[in-house]
Protein backbone atom coordinates (compact mmCIF):
# COMPACT_ATOMS: atom_id res chain seq x y z
CA LYS A 1 -117.68 -19.95 -68.13
CA ALA A 2 -119.16 -17.40 -65.79
CA ILE A 3 -122.52 -15.96 -66.41
CA LEU A 4 -122.94 -12.36 -65.52
CA LEU A 5 -126.37 -11.53 -64.31
CA THR A 6 -127.38 -7.95 -64.48
CA PRO A 7 -130.54 -6.99 -62.82
CA SER A 8 -133.11 -5.66 -65.16
CA PRO A 9 -134.51 -2.34 -64.23
CA SER A 10 -137.80 -2.54 -62.38
CA PRO A 11 -140.62 -0.54 -63.83
CA THR A 12 -141.19 2.82 -62.19
CA PRO A 13 -144.33 2.74 -60.16
CA THR A 14 -146.87 5.25 -61.27
CA GLN A 15 -148.83 6.93 -58.62
CA THR A 16 -152.50 7.22 -59.19
CA PRO A 17 -153.81 10.50 -57.89
CA PRO A 18 -156.47 10.13 -55.21
CA PRO A 19 -159.93 10.61 -56.56
CA THR A 20 -161.14 14.19 -56.26
CA VAL A 21 -164.30 14.59 -54.31
CA MET A 22 -166.65 17.05 -55.88
CA PRO A 23 -168.41 19.10 -53.26
CA SER A 24 -172.08 18.67 -53.36
CA LEU A 25 -173.81 21.82 -54.45
CA THR A 26 -176.31 23.15 -52.01
CA PRO A 27 -179.28 24.66 -53.69
CA LEU A 28 -179.52 28.39 -53.48
CA PRO A 29 -182.41 29.76 -51.52
CA PRO A 30 -185.24 30.84 -53.70
CA THR A 31 -185.05 34.45 -54.86
CA PRO A 32 -187.43 36.45 -52.75
CA ASP A 33 -190.38 37.92 -54.46
CA PRO A 34 -189.49 41.64 -55.00
CA ALA A 35 -192.96 42.80 -54.06
CA GLN A 36 -192.88 40.77 -50.84
CA PHE A 37 -189.38 42.05 -50.00
CA GLU A 38 -190.52 45.64 -50.59
CA ALA A 39 -193.51 45.05 -48.32
CA THR A 40 -191.24 43.59 -45.63
CA GLN A 41 -188.92 46.62 -45.80
CA ARG A 42 -191.87 49.05 -45.71
CA GLU A 43 -193.36 47.26 -42.74
CA ALA A 44 -190.04 47.36 -40.86
CA TRP A 45 -189.61 51.08 -41.71
CA ASP A 46 -193.13 51.95 -40.54
CA LYS A 47 -192.64 50.06 -37.27
CA LEU A 48 -189.30 51.79 -36.73
CA GLN A 49 -190.82 55.21 -37.29
CA THR A 50 -193.60 54.40 -34.83
CA ASP A 51 -191.18 53.12 -32.18
CA LEU A 52 -188.45 55.77 -32.43
CA PRO A 53 -190.15 58.62 -30.51
CA SER A 54 -190.60 56.43 -27.45
CA LEU A 55 -186.95 55.38 -27.31
CA GLU A 56 -183.98 57.08 -25.64
CA ILE A 57 -181.58 58.69 -28.09
CA GLU A 58 -178.94 55.96 -27.85
CA GLU A 59 -181.63 53.35 -28.58
CA GLN A 60 -182.87 55.39 -31.53
CA ILE A 61 -179.34 55.44 -32.91
CA GLN A 62 -178.96 51.70 -32.43
CA GLN A 63 -182.32 50.89 -34.05
CA LEU A 64 -181.60 53.08 -37.10
CA GLU A 65 -178.14 51.51 -37.48
CA VAL A 66 -179.65 48.02 -37.34
CA PHE A 67 -182.34 48.99 -39.87
CA ARG A 68 -179.77 50.45 -42.30
CA ALA A 69 -177.63 47.30 -41.97
CA GLN A 70 -180.61 45.08 -42.76
CA TYR A 71 -182.06 47.24 -45.55
CA PRO A 72 -179.18 49.35 -46.87
CA SER A 73 -181.01 50.72 -49.86
CA PHE A 74 -184.47 51.27 -48.42
CA ASN A 75 -185.23 54.90 -47.50
CA ASN A 76 -181.48 55.46 -47.38
CA ARG A 77 -181.69 59.25 -47.63
CA GLU A 78 -184.34 59.61 -44.90
CA SER A 79 -182.73 57.11 -42.50
CA GLY A 80 -179.35 58.71 -43.15
CA GLN A 81 -180.74 62.14 -42.35
CA GLN A 82 -182.31 60.84 -39.14
CA LEU A 83 -179.03 59.22 -38.12
CA TYR A 84 -177.09 62.36 -38.97
CA ASP A 85 -179.38 64.46 -36.79
CA LEU A 86 -179.15 61.97 -33.91
CA TYR A 87 -175.38 61.63 -34.17
CA LEU A 88 -174.99 65.41 -34.27
CA SER A 89 -177.30 66.07 -31.34
CA ARG A 90 -176.01 63.31 -29.13
CA GLY A 91 -172.37 63.89 -30.09
CA VAL A 92 -172.53 67.58 -29.15
CA ASP A 93 -174.24 66.74 -25.86
CA LEU A 94 -171.54 64.22 -25.03
CA ILE A 95 -168.53 66.36 -25.86
CA ARG A 96 -170.01 69.08 -23.67
CA GLY A 97 -170.46 66.53 -20.89
CA ASN A 98 -168.38 63.77 -19.44
CA ALA A 99 -168.28 61.33 -22.40
CA VAL A 100 -166.03 63.25 -24.75
CA GLU A 101 -164.65 60.20 -26.58
CA ARG A 102 -168.11 58.81 -27.36
CA GLY A 103 -169.19 62.25 -28.48
CA LEU A 104 -166.28 62.53 -30.90
CA LEU A 105 -167.08 59.07 -32.24
CA LEU A 106 -170.70 60.02 -32.93
CA LEU A 107 -169.69 63.31 -34.52
CA GLY A 108 -167.28 61.41 -36.77
CA LYS A 109 -170.16 59.21 -37.86
CA ALA A 110 -172.28 62.29 -38.50
CA GLU A 111 -169.49 63.73 -40.64
CA GLN A 112 -169.53 60.57 -42.79
CA LEU A 113 -173.20 61.29 -43.55
CA GLY A 114 -172.90 65.03 -44.18
CA ASP A 115 -171.04 68.25 -43.50
CA LEU A 116 -170.89 69.45 -39.93
CA PRO A 117 -171.75 73.01 -38.98
CA GLU A 118 -168.71 75.24 -38.37
CA ASP A 119 -169.51 75.80 -34.70
CA VAL A 120 -169.56 72.03 -34.17
CA GLN A 121 -166.24 71.69 -35.97
CA GLY A 122 -164.83 74.22 -33.51
CA GLU A 123 -166.20 72.24 -30.58
CA ILE A 124 -164.66 69.08 -32.02
CA PHE A 125 -161.25 70.79 -32.21
CA ILE A 126 -161.51 71.88 -28.58
CA ALA A 127 -162.60 68.37 -27.50
CA GLU A 128 -159.74 66.77 -29.41
CA GLN A 129 -157.25 69.12 -27.76
CA TYR A 130 -158.74 68.23 -24.38
CA ILE A 131 -158.45 64.46 -25.05
CA ALA A 132 -154.88 64.85 -26.27
CA GLY A 133 -153.93 66.91 -23.24
CA ILE A 134 -155.61 64.74 -20.65
CA SER A 135 -153.82 61.70 -22.03
CA TYR A 136 -150.54 63.16 -20.60
CA PHE A 137 -151.93 63.56 -17.06
CA ASP A 138 -149.26 62.38 -14.61
CA VAL A 139 -147.21 61.04 -17.53
CA ASN A 140 -145.63 64.14 -19.05
CA TRP A 141 -146.59 67.38 -17.34
CA ASP A 142 -144.82 69.57 -19.95
CA LEU A 143 -146.99 68.16 -22.73
CA TYR A 144 -150.07 68.26 -20.53
CA VAL A 145 -149.49 71.98 -19.91
CA SER A 146 -148.79 72.59 -23.62
CA TYR A 147 -152.32 71.43 -24.45
CA PHE A 148 -154.15 73.15 -21.60
CA GLN A 149 -152.50 76.58 -21.93
CA PRO A 150 -154.19 77.41 -25.27
CA LEU A 151 -157.30 75.50 -24.27
CA CYS A 152 -157.64 77.65 -21.15
CA GLN A 153 -157.37 80.78 -23.28
CA VAL A 154 -159.83 79.65 -25.97
CA ALA A 155 -162.34 77.70 -23.89
CA PRO A 156 -161.71 78.37 -20.20
CA LEU A 157 -164.93 76.72 -19.03
CA TYR A 158 -164.58 73.57 -21.18
CA GLN A 159 -164.10 70.63 -18.87
CA ASP A 160 -162.49 72.98 -16.33
CA SER A 161 -159.57 73.64 -18.69
CA CYS A 162 -158.11 76.42 -16.54
CA GLY A 163 -158.33 74.28 -13.40
CA LYS A 164 -156.55 71.49 -15.24
CA LEU A 165 -153.91 73.93 -16.46
CA ALA A 166 -153.30 75.15 -12.89
CA GLU A 167 -152.98 71.55 -11.71
CA GLY A 168 -150.55 70.76 -14.56
CA LEU A 169 -148.45 73.84 -13.86
CA ALA A 170 -148.17 73.01 -10.17
CA SER A 171 -147.28 69.37 -10.91
CA ALA A 172 -144.71 70.32 -13.56
CA ALA A 173 -143.14 72.82 -11.18
CA THR A 174 -143.01 70.22 -8.40
CA ASP A 175 -141.37 67.68 -10.73
CA ALA A 176 -138.78 70.26 -11.86
CA TYR A 177 -138.13 71.28 -8.24
CA LEU A 178 -137.65 67.64 -7.19
CA ALA A 179 -135.20 67.18 -10.08
CA SER A 180 -133.28 70.28 -8.81
CA ASP A 181 -134.10 72.09 -12.05
CA TRP A 182 -134.72 75.41 -10.30
CA CYS A 183 -134.96 77.57 -13.45
CA ARG A 184 -137.58 75.33 -15.05
CA ALA A 185 -139.50 75.14 -11.78
CA ALA A 186 -139.53 78.93 -11.54
CA THR A 187 -141.11 79.24 -15.02
CA TYR A 188 -144.04 77.10 -13.89
CA TYR A 189 -144.56 78.96 -10.62
């Protein structure tokens, strides 16, 4: 007689999950005394107001921005008005000078704090047209000219708009001439 041996099934191993490590809780810093915090803010504000007149305008802007970041709710209206006035003044100076992009940035920040005067909005439009036009210098003379033609008519003295238009027209004509596009070249001359 033959004995048939069948293997008995082995028990399925159960996996024990690894122990979870509970993160240790770090104690929260003590809540600052509201009176002490108010005094700290007031002291920082008073020092800022004392220091501002002796600083250059860019430093004034920076110091007010830092103060508002540290104490966002303290004297918010007054610090916001001071920043608005500085952004507006400096922004206009810069778009009338040689730092048009920085001026537009500051005027954008001023606009976030309040409405801009209409004359400043007009200057912003002119500055934006200038930036758009100048970006095509020696890249696409047709587009360059398309920005400086109206700019020369509206604000001929802004950043030498008419001089830039003349340069663009001459360059566009030269490019057309070199491409043997005589009719287009003639329209620029």
